[in-house]
Amino acid sequence: IWVNAALPHSSVEKKALEKLLYRDGKQGVHDRIRNEIIRQRHIARDDERALLKADKFVKLLTLTSKWHRPKFPIKGQDLIEAGRDQGPGVGDELKLLEQKWIDSGFSLEKSELLE
């Protein structure tokens, strides 16, 4: 799982980290960060800046550990009940709405998304 997950930059902002966790999966990102901490600590034998970088990744690991995947608040049936035609367009619209929801920091509610 972790091989396919992206490694966030050591200075990634919380909102961007949460997007990455949602898209790539918590466990994979968590494992990538853990491996990077080990790698940076190894590099720190010759480069003390790597120890500072490892510390930043430790903080990201803590955020990752506490993060819980939010549940997308709408389903295809919600769109159909709101008057959309059944078919592949519903799936396409769901993807667009999910991206809008992710970009909002997972804050948009069902009613806002269906507007």
C-alpha atoms as a PDB file:
ATOM      1  CA  ILE A   1       0.000   0.000   0.000  1.00  0.00           C
ATOM      2  CA  TRP A   2       2.655   2.554   0.977  1.00  0.00           C
ATOM      3  CA  VAL A   3       4.566   2.171  -2.304  1.00  0.00           C
ATOM      4  CA  ASN A   4       1.707   3.804  -4.233  1.00  0.00           C
ATOM      5  CA  ALA A   5       1.129   6.579  -1.706  1.00  0.00           C
ATOM      6  CA  ALA A   6       2.710   9.971  -2.197  1.00  0.00           C
ATOM      7  CA  LEU A   7       5.215  11.287   0.298  1.00  0.00           C
ATOM      8  CA  PRO A   8       4.159  14.760   1.399  1.00  0.00           C
ATOM      9  CA  HIS A   9       6.707  17.566   1.536  1.00  0.00           C
ATOM     10  CA  SER A  10       8.058  17.989   5.057  1.00  0.00           C
ATOM     11  CA  SER A  11       6.467  21.470   5.225  1.00  0.00           C
ATOM     12  CA  VAL A  12       3.062  20.489   3.839  1.00  0.00           C
ATOM     13  CA  GLU A  13       0.103  22.395   5.267  1.00  0.00           C
ATOM     14  CA  LYS A  14      -2.540  20.487   7.200  1.00  0.00           C
ATOM     15  CA  LYS A  15      -5.260  20.987   4.562  1.00  0.00           C
ATOM     16  CA  ALA A  16      -3.023  19.619   1.797  1.00  0.00           C
ATOM     17  CA  LEU A  17      -2.000  16.690   4.001  1.00  0.00           C
ATOM     18  CA  GLU A  18      -5.646  15.835   4.651  1.00  0.00           C
ATOM     19  CA  LYS A  19      -6.375  15.868   0.905  1.00  0.00           C
ATOM     20  CA  LEU A  20      -3.459  13.518   0.352  1.00  0.00           C
ATOM     21  CA  LEU A  21      -4.626  11.207   3.132  1.00  0.00           C
ATOM     22  CA  TYR A  22      -8.110  11.098   1.645  1.00  0.00           C
ATOM     23  CA  ARG A  23      -6.879  10.371  -1.877  1.00  0.00           C
ATOM     24  CA  ASP A  24      -3.925   8.055  -1.205  1.00  0.00           C
ATOM     25  CA  GLY A  25      -5.138   6.417   2.001  1.00  0.00           C
ATOM     26  CA  LYS A  26      -4.102   6.996   5.579  1.00  0.00           C
ATOM     27  CA  GLN A  27      -2.066   3.839   6.039  1.00  0.00           C
ATOM     28  CA  GLY A  28      -0.005   4.258   2.882  1.00  0.00           C
ATOM     29  CA  VAL A  29       0.861   7.892   3.594  1.00  0.00           C
ATOM     30  CA  HIS A  30       1.551   7.061   7.250  1.00  0.00           C
ATOM     31  CA  ASP A  31       3.998   4.323   6.217  1.00  0.00           C
ATOM     32  CA  ARG A  32       5.718   6.576   3.657  1.00  0.00           C
ATOM     33  CA  ILE A  33       6.249   9.230   6.342  1.00  0.00           C
ATOM     34  CA  ARG A  34       7.574   6.635   8.791  1.00  0.00           C
ATOM     35  CA  ASN A  35      10.036   5.356   6.222  1.00  0.00           C
ATOM     36  CA  GLU A  36      11.132   8.917   5.443  1.00  0.00           C
ATOM     37  CA  ILE A  37      11.800   9.583   9.131  1.00  0.00           C
ATOM     38  CA  ILE A  38      14.098   6.556   9.210  1.00  0.00           C
ATOM     39  CA  ARG A  39      15.822   7.684   6.014  1.00  0.00           C
ATOM     40  CA  GLN A  40      16.331  11.243   7.276  1.00  0.00           C
ATOM     41  CA  ARG A  41      17.739  10.011  10.579  1.00  0.00           C
ATOM     42  CA  HIS A  42      20.188   7.857   8.660  1.00  0.00           C
ATOM     43  CA  ILE A  43      21.230  10.827   6.507  1.00  0.00           C
ATOM     44  CA  ALA A  44      21.634  12.919   9.667  1.00  0.00           C
ATOM     45  CA  ARG A  45      24.896  11.087  10.404  1.00  0.00           C
ATOM     46  CA  ASP A  46      26.465  13.233   7.686  1.00  0.00           C
ATOM     47  CA  ASP A  47      24.018  16.147   7.435  1.00  0.00           C
ATOM     48  CA  GLU A  48      22.519  17.648  10.582  1.00  0.00           C
ATOM     49  CA  ARG A  49      19.810  19.421   8.534  1.00  0.00           C
ATOM     50  CA  ALA A  50      18.288  16.004   7.938  1.00  0.00           C
ATOM     51  CA  LEU A  51      17.546  15.723  11.653  1.00  0.00           C
ATOM     52  CA  LEU A  52      15.425  18.883  11.446  1.00  0.00           C
ATOM     53  CA  LYS A  53      13.638  17.451   8.429  1.00  0.00           C
ATOM     54  CA  ALA A  54      13.033  14.190  10.308  1.00  0.00           C
ATOM     55  CA  ASP A  55      11.476  16.208  13.133  1.00  0.00           C
ATOM     56  CA  LYS A  56       9.047  17.839  10.675  1.00  0.00           C
ATOM     57  CA  PHE A  57       8.061  14.403   9.423  1.00  0.00           C
ATOM     58  CA  VAL A  58       7.494  13.238  13.010  1.00  0.00           C
ATOM     59  CA  LYS A  59       4.973  16.074  13.385  1.00  0.00           C
ATOM     60  CA  LEU A  60       3.268  14.999  10.161  1.00  0.00           C
ATOM     61  CA  LEU A  61       3.167  11.428  11.448  1.00  0.00           C
ATOM     62  CA  THR A  62       1.339  12.648  14.554  1.00  0.00           C
ATOM     63  CA  LEU A  63      -1.228  14.515  12.430  1.00  0.00           C
ATOM     64  CA  THR A  64      -1.649  11.467  10.215  1.00  0.00           C
ATOM     65  CA  SER A  65      -2.192   9.179  13.198  1.00  0.00           C
ATOM     66  CA  LYS A  66      -5.013  11.359  14.515  1.00  0.00           C
ATOM     67  CA  TRP A  67      -6.746  11.866  11.153  1.00  0.00           C
ATOM     68  CA  HIS A  68     -10.031  10.088  10.420  1.00  0.00           C
ATOM     69  CA  ARG A  69     -11.328   9.786   6.884  1.00  0.00           C
ATOM     70  CA  PRO A  70     -14.474  11.882   6.473  1.00  0.00           C
ATOM     71  CA  LYS A  71     -17.452  10.361   4.691  1.00  0.00           C
ATOM     72  CA  PHE A  72     -18.567  12.019   1.469  1.00  0.00           C
ATOM     73  CA  PRO A  73     -22.091  13.210   2.342  1.00  0.00           C
ATOM     74  CA  ILE A  74     -23.910  12.450  -0.910  1.00  0.00           C
ATOM     75  CA  LYS A  75     -24.583   9.457  -3.128  1.00  0.00           C
ATOM     76  CA  GLY A  76     -25.803   9.019  -6.663  1.00  0.00           C
ATOM     77  CA  GLN A  77     -29.335   8.450  -5.403  1.00  0.00           C
ATOM     78  CA  ASP A  78     -29.278  11.921  -3.827  1.00  0.00           C
ATOM     79  CA  LEU A  79     -28.566  13.460  -7.239  1.00  0.00           C
ATOM     80  CA  ILE A  80     -31.330  11.444  -8.881  1.00  0.00           C
ATOM     81  CA  GLU A  81     -33.786  12.492  -6.172  1.00  0.00           C
ATOM     82  CA  ALA A  82     -32.694  16.100  -6.807  1.00  0.00           C
ATOM     83  CA  GLY A  83     -33.774  15.742 -10.449  1.00  0.00           C
ATOM     84  CA  ARG A  84     -30.662  14.557 -12.283  1.00  0.00           C
ATOM     85  CA  ASP A  85     -31.134  11.930 -14.981  1.00  0.00           C
ATOM     86  CA  GLN A  86     -29.888   8.434 -14.227  1.00  0.00           C
ATOM     87  CA  GLY A  87     -26.822   7.326 -16.138  1.00  0.00           C
ATOM     88  CA  PRO A  88     -23.084   7.888 -16.365  1.00  0.00           C
ATOM     89  CA  GLY A  89     -23.539  11.626 -15.883  1.00  0.00           C
ATOM     90  CA  VAL A  90     -24.444  10.996 -12.251  1.00  0.00           C
ATOM     91  CA  GLY A  91     -21.053   9.426 -11.626  1.00  0.00           C
ATOM     92  CA  ASP A  92     -19.282  12.286 -13.361  1.00  0.00           C
ATOM     93  CA  GLU A  93     -21.201  14.831 -11.307  1.00  0.00           C
ATOM     94  CA  LEU A  94     -20.429  12.905  -8.110  1.00  0.00           C
ATOM     95  CA  LYS A  95     -16.707  13.093  -8.900  1.00  0.00           C
ATOM     96  CA  LEU A  96     -16.922  16.852  -9.468  1.00  0.00           C
ATOM     97  CA  LEU A  97     -18.886  17.369  -6.261  1.00  0.00           C
ATOM     98  CA  GLU A  98     -16.479  15.185  -4.303  1.00  0.00           C
ATOM     99  CA  GLN A  99     -13.550  17.288  -5.544  1.00  0.00           C
ATOM    100  CA  LYS A 100     -15.401  20.468  -4.555  1.00  0.00           C
ATOM    101  CA  TRP A 101     -16.018  18.950  -1.113  1.00  0.00           C
ATOM    102  CA  ILE A 102     -12.351  17.963  -0.745  1.00  0.00           C
ATOM    103  CA  ASP A 103     -11.232  21.446  -1.822  1.00  0.00           C
ATOM    104  CA  SER A 104     -13.495  22.936   0.845  1.00  0.00           C
ATOM    105  CA  GLY A 105     -11.557  21.031   3.479  1.00  0.00           C
ATOM    106  CA  PHE A 106     -14.411  18.512   3.730  1.00  0.00           C
ATOM    107  CA  SER A 107     -16.637  21.243   5.147  1.00  0.00           C
ATOM    108  CA  LEU A 108     -19.449  21.483   2.573  1.00  0.00           C
ATOM    109  CA  GLU A 109     -22.596  19.775   3.742  1.00  0.00           C
ATOM    110  CA  LYS A 110     -25.015  17.683   1.719  1.00  0.00           C
ATOM    111  CA  SER A 111     -27.455  20.557   1.118  1.00  0.00           C
ATOM    112  CA  GLU A 112     -24.651  22.844  -0.088  1.00  0.00           C
ATOM    113  CA  LEU A 113     -23.360  20.238  -2.488  1.00  0.00           C
ATOM    114  CA  LEU A 114     -26.794  19.533  -3.935  1.00  0.00           C
ATOM    115  CA  GLU A 115     -27.482  23.221  -4.698  1.00  0.00           C
END
